[in-house]
Protein backbone atom coordinates (compact mmCIF):
# COMPACT_ATOMS: atom_id res chain seq x y z
CA MET A 1 13.46 24.52 13.33
CA THR A 2 11.55 26.27 10.55
CA LEU A 3 7.99 24.99 10.32
CA LYS A 4 6.88 23.79 6.91
CA ARG A 5 3.58 23.75 5.03
CA VAL A 6 3.34 20.25 3.61
CA LEU A 7 1.06 18.51 1.12
CA VAL A 8 0.83 14.70 1.40
CA ALA A 9 -0.87 13.09 -1.60
CA PRO A 10 -1.06 9.28 -1.89
CA LEU A 11 -2.44 7.41 -4.89
CA ASN A 12 -5.86 5.78 -4.57
CA TRP A 13 -4.96 2.40 -6.08
CA GLY A 14 -5.97 0.15 -3.24
CA LEU A 15 -5.33 1.51 0.27
CA GLY A 16 -1.61 0.71 0.58
CA HIS A 17 -0.27 4.03 -0.72
CA ALA A 18 -2.40 5.89 1.83
CA THR A 19 -1.63 3.61 4.77
CA ARG A 20 2.14 3.79 4.31
CA CYS A 21 1.94 7.60 4.32
CA ILE A 22 0.33 7.53 7.78
CA PRO A 23 3.62 7.30 9.75
CA ILE A 24 5.04 10.23 7.76
CA ILE A 25 1.92 12.31 8.43
CA ARG A 26 2.10 11.47 12.14
CA SER A 27 5.73 12.61 12.30
CA LEU A 28 5.00 15.83 10.41
CA LEU A 29 2.27 16.65 12.91
CA LYS A 30 4.43 15.60 15.85
CA GLN A 31 7.06 18.11 14.71
CA LYS A 32 4.35 20.82 14.44
CA HIS A 33 4.41 21.21 10.64
CA ASP A 34 1.24 22.39 8.89
CA VAL A 35 -0.15 19.43 6.90
CA VAL A 36 -2.78 19.21 4.16
CA LEU A 37 -3.80 15.88 2.64
CA ALA A 38 -5.03 15.15 -0.89
CA SER A 39 -6.33 12.03 -2.62
CA ASP A 40 -9.56 10.53 -3.94
CA GLY A 41 -11.92 7.63 -3.32
CA ARG A 42 -11.27 5.17 -0.53
CA ALA A 43 -7.75 6.48 0.10
CA ARG A 44 -9.17 9.93 0.83
CA THR A 45 -11.89 8.45 3.04
CA LEU A 46 -9.31 6.50 5.02
CA LEU A 47 -7.09 9.57 5.51
CA ARG A 48 -10.04 11.65 6.65
CA ALA A 49 -10.93 8.98 9.22
CA GLU A 50 -7.34 8.77 10.49
CA PHE A 51 -6.81 12.55 10.58
CA PRO A 52 -10.25 14.18 10.97
CA SER A 53 -8.81 17.58 11.93
CA LEU A 54 -6.80 17.95 8.70
CA VAL A 55 -7.95 19.41 5.40
CA CYS A 56 -8.13 16.64 2.79
CA GLU A 57 -8.40 18.01 -0.73
CA PRO A 58 -9.83 15.99 -3.66
CA LEU A 59 -7.65 14.91 -6.58
CA PRO A 60 -8.58 13.33 -9.94
CA SER A 61 -9.34 9.63 -9.81
CA TYR A 62 -7.45 7.05 -11.87
CA ASN A 63 -10.41 4.61 -11.78
CA VAL A 64 -8.12 1.66 -12.46
CA LEU A 65 -9.69 -1.68 -13.32
CA TYR A 66 -7.70 -4.91 -13.49
CA PRO A 67 -8.42 -6.94 -16.63
CA LEU A 68 -9.98 -10.39 -16.42
CA LYS A 69 -8.27 -11.29 -19.73
CA GLN A 70 -5.75 -9.90 -22.27
CA PRO A 71 -3.76 -7.88 -19.70
CA PHE A 72 -1.13 -6.82 -22.25
CA LEU A 73 -3.67 -5.08 -24.50
CA HIS A 74 -5.48 -3.68 -21.48
CA TRP A 75 -2.43 -1.85 -20.12
CA LEU A 76 -1.45 -0.62 -23.59
CA LYS A 77 -4.86 1.03 -23.82
CA GLU A 78 -4.78 2.30 -20.23
CA GLY A 79 -1.40 4.03 -20.59
CA PRO A 80 -2.54 7.13 -22.51
CA ARG A 81 -5.60 7.57 -20.26
CA ILE A 82 -3.45 7.42 -17.12
CA LEU A 83 -1.04 10.00 -18.57
CA ASP A 84 -3.99 12.33 -19.17
CA ILE A 85 -4.96 11.98 -15.50
CA VAL A 86 -1.37 12.76 -14.49
CA LYS A 87 -1.69 16.03 -16.43
CA ASP A 88 -5.00 16.77 -14.70
CA GLU A 89 -3.60 16.18 -11.20
CA HIS A 90 -0.62 18.40 -12.03
CA THR A 91 -3.06 21.20 -12.86
CA TYR A 92 -4.87 20.57 -9.56
CA THR A 93 -1.54 20.68 -7.75
CA GLN A 94 -0.74 24.14 -9.15
CA GLU A 95 -4.06 25.36 -7.77
CA LEU A 96 -3.44 23.75 -4.37
CA VAL A 97 0.01 25.32 -4.06
CA LEU A 98 -1.43 28.76 -4.84
CA ARG A 99 -4.19 28.25 -2.28
CA HIS A 100 -2.12 26.79 0.57
CA ASN A 101 1.37 28.17 -0.12
CA PHE A 102 3.11 24.82 0.42
CA THR A 103 6.84 24.56 0.99
CA HIS A 104 7.05 20.76 0.61
CA ILE A 105 5.16 18.00 -1.19
CA PHE A 106 5.11 14.26 -0.50
CA SER A 107 3.60 12.41 -3.46
CA ASP A 108 3.13 8.67 -3.13
CA ASN A 109 2.97 7.38 -6.71
CA ARG A 110 1.07 10.44 -7.99
CA TYR A 111 3.30 11.49 -10.86
CA GLY A 112 1.62 14.85 -11.41
CA VAL A 113 1.77 16.11 -7.82
CA TYR A 114 4.88 18.29 -7.84
CA HIS A 115 5.67 21.99 -8.09
CA PRO A 116 8.90 23.91 -8.87
CA LYS A 117 8.37 26.23 -5.89
CA CYS A 118 8.11 23.32 -3.42
CA LYS A 119 10.58 20.64 -2.43
CA SER A 120 8.76 17.76 -4.10
CA ILE A 121 9.49 14.24 -2.82
CA PHE A 122 8.21 11.20 -4.71
CA ILE A 123 7.60 7.98 -2.73
CA THR A 124 7.59 4.71 -4.65
CA HIS A 125 8.94 1.16 -4.71
CA GLN A 126 8.36 0.89 -8.47
CA LEU A 127 11.35 1.94 -10.55
CA SER A 128 11.29 -1.23 -12.67
CA LEU A 129 7.78 -2.47 -13.37
CA PRO A 130 7.31 -6.28 -13.65
CA LEU A 131 5.74 -6.27 -17.11
CA PRO A 132 6.36 -8.15 -20.39
CA VAL A 133 9.68 -7.06 -21.92
CA ILE A 134 8.48 -4.62 -24.59
CA LEU A 135 5.80 -3.07 -22.38
CA ALA A 136 8.24 -2.86 -19.45
CA TRP A 137 10.81 -0.98 -21.54
CA ILE A 138 8.23 1.62 -22.55
CA ALA A 139 6.58 1.89 -19.13
CA ASN A 140 9.85 2.16 -17.19
CA LYS A 141 11.17 4.85 -19.50
CA VAL A 142 7.98 6.90 -19.06
CA VAL A 143 7.84 6.32 -15.29
CA ARG A 144 11.45 7.40 -14.69
CA LYS A 145 10.98 10.48 -16.88
CA LEU A 146 8.00 11.48 -14.72
CA ILE A 147 9.81 10.80 -11.42
CA ASN A 148 12.78 12.91 -12.55
CA LYS A 149 10.52 15.97 -12.43
CA PHE A 150 10.63 15.73 -8.62
CA ASP A 151 13.48 16.84 -6.34
CA GLU A 152 14.03 13.50 -4.57
CA CYS A 153 12.75 9.93 -4.75
CA TRP A 154 12.28 7.97 -1.52
CA ILE A 155 12.14 4.18 -1.78
CA PRO A 156 10.36 2.50 1.18
CA ASP A 157 12.72 -0.47 1.10
CA ILE A 158 16.32 -1.51 1.66
CA TYR A 159 18.82 -1.85 -1.16
CA GLY A 160 20.25 -5.21 -2.21
CA GLU A 161 19.38 -8.88 -1.99
CA GLU A 162 17.30 -8.51 1.20
CA SER A 163 15.04 -5.97 -0.48
CA LEU A 164 11.35 -6.68 0.17
CA SER A 165 10.29 -5.46 -3.28
CA GLY A 166 13.15 -7.10 -5.20
CA GLU A 167 14.07 -5.81 -8.65
CA MET A 168 11.10 -3.45 -8.70
CA SER A 169 12.87 -0.95 -6.45
CA GLN A 170 16.19 -1.13 -8.31
CA GLY A 171 16.96 1.47 -10.94
CA PHE A 172 18.64 4.76 -11.77
CA LEU A 173 17.31 8.30 -11.74
CA LYS A 174 18.73 11.76 -12.41
CA ILE A 175 17.48 12.98 -9.02
CA PRO A 176 18.69 11.79 -5.58
CA LEU A 177 17.43 8.29 -4.78
CA VAL A 178 17.09 7.46 -1.07
CA TYR A 179 16.35 3.97 0.30
CA ILE A 180 14.59 4.93 3.53
CA GLY A 181 13.70 1.41 4.73
CA PRO A 182 10.26 -0.24 4.69
CA LEU A 183 7.38 1.96 5.91
CA SER A 184 4.60 0.65 8.13
CA ARG A 185 1.99 2.38 10.25
CA PHE A 186 2.26 -0.47 12.77
CA GLU A 187 4.59 -1.25 15.65
CA LYS A 188 6.37 -4.53 16.20
CA PRO A 189 4.13 -6.53 18.60
CA ALA A 190 5.44 -7.04 22.12
CA THR A 191 3.17 -10.00 22.98
CA PRO A 192 2.93 -13.50 21.50
CA LYS A 193 0.36 -14.19 18.80
CA GLY A 194 -3.12 -15.29 19.78
CA GLU A 195 -5.51 -17.56 17.91
CA GLY A 196 -7.78 -17.35 14.91
CA ILE A 197 -7.53 -15.91 11.41
CA LEU A 198 -7.81 -12.33 10.24
CA ALA A 199 -8.79 -11.83 6.59
CA ILE A 200 -8.10 -8.38 5.15
CA VAL A 201 -9.96 -7.98 1.87
CA SER A 202 -8.90 -4.76 0.16
CA GLY A 203 -8.02 -3.38 -3.26
CA PRO A 204 -9.82 -1.93 -6.28
CA GLU A 205 -13.26 -3.15 -7.32
CA PRO A 206 -14.58 -5.42 -8.70
CA ASN A 207 -11.62 -7.65 -7.76
CA ARG A 208 -12.03 -6.88 -4.06
CA SER A 209 -15.65 -8.08 -3.98
CA LEU A 210 -14.88 -11.17 -6.06
CA ILE A 211 -12.15 -12.43 -3.71
CA GLU A 212 -14.24 -11.50 -0.67
CA GLU A 213 -17.00 -13.82 -1.86
CA LYS A 214 -14.55 -16.71 -2.23
CA ILE A 215 -12.93 -16.09 1.16
CA LEU A 216 -16.26 -15.78 2.99
CA ASP A 217 -17.49 -18.99 1.39
CA GLN A 218 -14.49 -20.90 2.74
CA LEU A 219 -14.55 -19.22 6.14
CA ALA A 220 -18.24 -20.03 6.56
CA LYS A 221 -17.42 -23.74 6.29
CA SER A 222 -14.86 -23.59 9.09
CA CYS A 223 -15.50 -23.99 12.78
CA GLN A 224 -12.48 -21.85 13.71
CA HIS A 225 -12.69 -18.22 14.80
CA TYR A 226 -12.35 -15.76 11.94
CA GLU A 227 -12.57 -12.03 11.50
CA VAL A 228 -12.89 -10.21 8.19
CA ILE A 229 -12.02 -6.60 7.47
CA ARG A 230 -13.42 -5.56 4.12
CA GLY A 231 -11.25 -2.51 3.47
CA ARG A 232 -14.21 -0.26 2.68
CA PRO A 233 -13.66 2.88 4.79
CA GLU A 234 -16.64 4.59 3.15
CA LYS A 235 -18.97 2.20 5.03
CA LEU A 236 -19.42 2.06 8.76
CA GLY A 237 -20.57 -0.54 11.29
CA VAL A 238 -19.89 -4.15 12.18
CA THR A 239 -22.10 -7.03 11.09
CA ILE A 240 -22.06 -10.42 12.79
CA THR A 241 -22.65 -13.65 10.92
CA THR A 242 -22.41 -17.21 12.18
CA GLY A 243 -18.90 -17.68 13.52
CA ILE A 244 -17.54 -14.72 11.54
CA GLN A 245 -17.17 -11.11 12.58
CA THR A 246 -17.15 -8.87 9.53
CA GLN A 247 -16.01 -5.27 9.77
CA GLU A 248 -16.15 -2.80 6.90
CA ALA A 249 -12.99 -0.94 7.93
CA ALA A 250 -10.67 -0.45 10.89
CA THR A 251 -8.54 2.40 12.16
CA SER A 252 -4.79 1.86 12.40
CA GLN A 253 -5.04 1.37 16.15
CA VAL A 254 -7.77 -1.27 15.90
CA LEU A 255 -6.07 -3.08 13.02
CA GLN A 256 -2.78 -3.13 14.94
CA GLN A 257 -4.55 -4.89 17.82
CA LYS A 258 -6.24 -7.40 15.52
CA LEU A 259 -3.01 -8.20 13.66
CA ALA A 260 -1.16 -8.63 16.94
CA SER A 261 -3.77 -11.05 18.30
CA ALA A 262 -4.45 -13.14 15.17
CA ALA A 263 -2.42 -16.28 14.58
CA PHE A 264 -2.77 -16.08 10.78
CA VAL A 265 -3.63 -13.47 8.17
CA VAL A 266 -5.28 -13.85 4.75
CA SER A 267 -4.35 -10.94 2.51
CA ARG A 268 -3.59 -9.65 -0.96
CA SER A 269 0.13 -9.49 -1.75
CA GLY A 270 0.37 -5.74 -2.28
CA TYR A 271 3.66 -4.17 -1.23
CA SER A 272 2.25 -2.20 1.71
CA SER A 273 0.61 -5.40 2.97
CA ILE A 274 3.96 -7.19 2.69
CA MET A 275 5.69 -4.45 4.71
CA ASP A 276 2.99 -4.57 7.37
CA LEU A 277 3.18 -8.37 7.66
CA TYR A 278 6.94 -8.21 8.20
CA ARG A 279 6.49 -5.42 10.73
CA VAL A 280 3.90 -7.24 12.86
CA GLN A 281 5.50 -10.61 12.08
CA SER A 282 2.29 -12.33 11.01
CA LYS A 283 2.14 -15.66 9.23
CA ALA A 284 0.01 -15.18 6.16
CA LEU A 285 -1.69 -16.61 3.10
CA LEU A 286 -0.95 -14.29 0.17
CA ILE A 287 -3.42 -14.10 -2.73
CA PRO A 288 -2.30 -11.84 -5.61
CA THR A 289 -4.89 -9.97 -7.63
CA PRO A 290 -5.26 -11.69 -11.03
CA ASN A 291 -3.46 -9.91 -13.88
CA GLN A 292 -1.72 -7.61 -11.41
CA PRO A 293 1.96 -8.30 -12.23
CA GLU A 294 3.33 -6.51 -9.15
CA GLN A 295 1.34 -8.58 -6.67
CA GLN A 296 2.17 -11.79 -8.51
CA ALA A 297 5.89 -10.96 -8.47
CA LEU A 298 5.80 -10.08 -4.77
CA ALA A 299 3.94 -13.26 -3.84
CA GLU A 300 6.49 -15.33 -5.77
CA ARG A 301 9.39 -13.50 -4.10
CA HIS A 302 8.10 -14.00 -0.57
CA ARG A 303 6.95 -17.59 -0.88
CA LYS A 304 10.56 -18.49 0.04
CA ASN A 305 9.72 -17.12 3.49
CA GLN A 306 8.23 -20.11 5.30
CA ASN A 307 5.92 -17.77 7.22
CA PHE A 308 3.96 -17.18 4.00
CA VAL A 309 1.91 -19.37 1.67
CA PHE A 310 1.15 -18.27 -1.89
CA GLN A 311 -2.12 -19.32 -3.55
CA THR A 312 -3.97 -18.01 -6.59
CA GLU A 313 -7.69 -17.28 -6.56
CA ASP A 314 -8.27 -20.41 -8.66
CA THR A 315 -6.37 -22.65 -6.21
CA LEU A 316 -7.60 -20.96 -3.02
CA ASP A 317 -7.75 -23.40 -0.12
CA ILE A 318 -7.53 -21.51 3.15
CA SER A 319 -7.71 -24.62 5.36
CA SER A 320 -4.71 -26.29 3.70
CA ALA A 321 -2.73 -23.02 3.83
CA ILE A 322 -3.36 -22.66 7.57
CA GLU A 323 -2.39 -26.27 8.23
CA HIS A 324 0.90 -25.64 6.42
CA LEU A 325 1.57 -22.44 8.35
CA LYS A 326 0.88 -24.15 11.68
CA LYS A 327 3.84 -26.47 11.03
CA GLN A 328 6.29 -23.61 10.43
CA GLN A 329 8.38 -22.15 13.22
CA PRO A 330 8.28 -18.34 12.88
CA THR A 331 11.65 -16.84 11.93
CA TRP A 332 11.89 -13.27 10.68
CA PRO A 333 14.82 -11.39 9.14
CA ASN A 334 16.23 -8.44 11.03
CA ILE A 335 15.04 -5.53 8.88
CA ASN A 336 15.64 -1.87 9.68
CA PHE A 337 12.34 -0.14 9.10
CA ALA A 338 12.15 3.55 8.24
CA ASN A 339 12.25 6.02 11.12
CA PRO A 340 9.62 8.62 10.11
CA ASP A 341 10.79 11.16 12.72
CA GLU A 342 14.30 11.16 11.27
CA LEU A 343 12.95 11.34 7.72
CA VAL A 344 10.86 14.41 8.50
CA ARG A 345 13.83 16.12 10.11
CA MET A 346 15.72 15.59 6.81
CA ILE A 347 13.36 17.83 4.87
């Protein structure tokens, strides 16, 4: 086997793009390939904590903010700025390839991270964005044009009606399109679930802090055992408050243990979170980020699964959600998750 020099570059838009790259990075290292990481913000901090021996290069930041009102106008204005950042990260990528002499690139939703001298693989579940009709037509046309600059597109999902991401992952490209199966850094738990609730509060600011305040307020009024993981890998330490253990961040190994032992999870409805919940088979309350169409669409899609409850921030009632989930018998579809070792051998 010829060893490769590989760049793995996930988007810093929440932590999900970085976390779902972790199994691919592990397999690359397991097969002795030379790996360099690249990202920005919390995604870069998380990767550096998970893989402290690897070089982790900085990339331009998108600095995405979700609107509190007028989302249509907000995203119309944001589009040109984001495209400028894509150009900037493409320039950075040229410099990185010259410096490290990469043979392969894995870009998770970073449209500018590709190079003609490398086999460039784009990872996404978003071929058809869930936006208003006119905006969706424009955005999807631009997105597919950008993805077609890569050599392959890997979709972390299965094709068809049982797809976890639904219509978002359906579409046509000029380059090879490979449905690799859902990606999760976690293993399917071997032991029965324990007790208590695990709240994972992640995502871009200020939305992350706003929902954390609401969740903590409701948890503080409960006499049940709760744990909260804030999804802030840039901060260290554990603080203890009355009845609630609050942790700024957790490694994959620690989070796997906590997910396996918690009876219920409170989480945003981002796609990586959805994949992880199916993988560890956790009953969950899903709370989409306001004015984030993808999370709203995913929460709506998965509310048909009786292991999930969907609530908005305005209607948040954790106690009633948990009471509903307690009445449901857990049944999970048989989904073939991606095999990262086999995927890496394909390159």
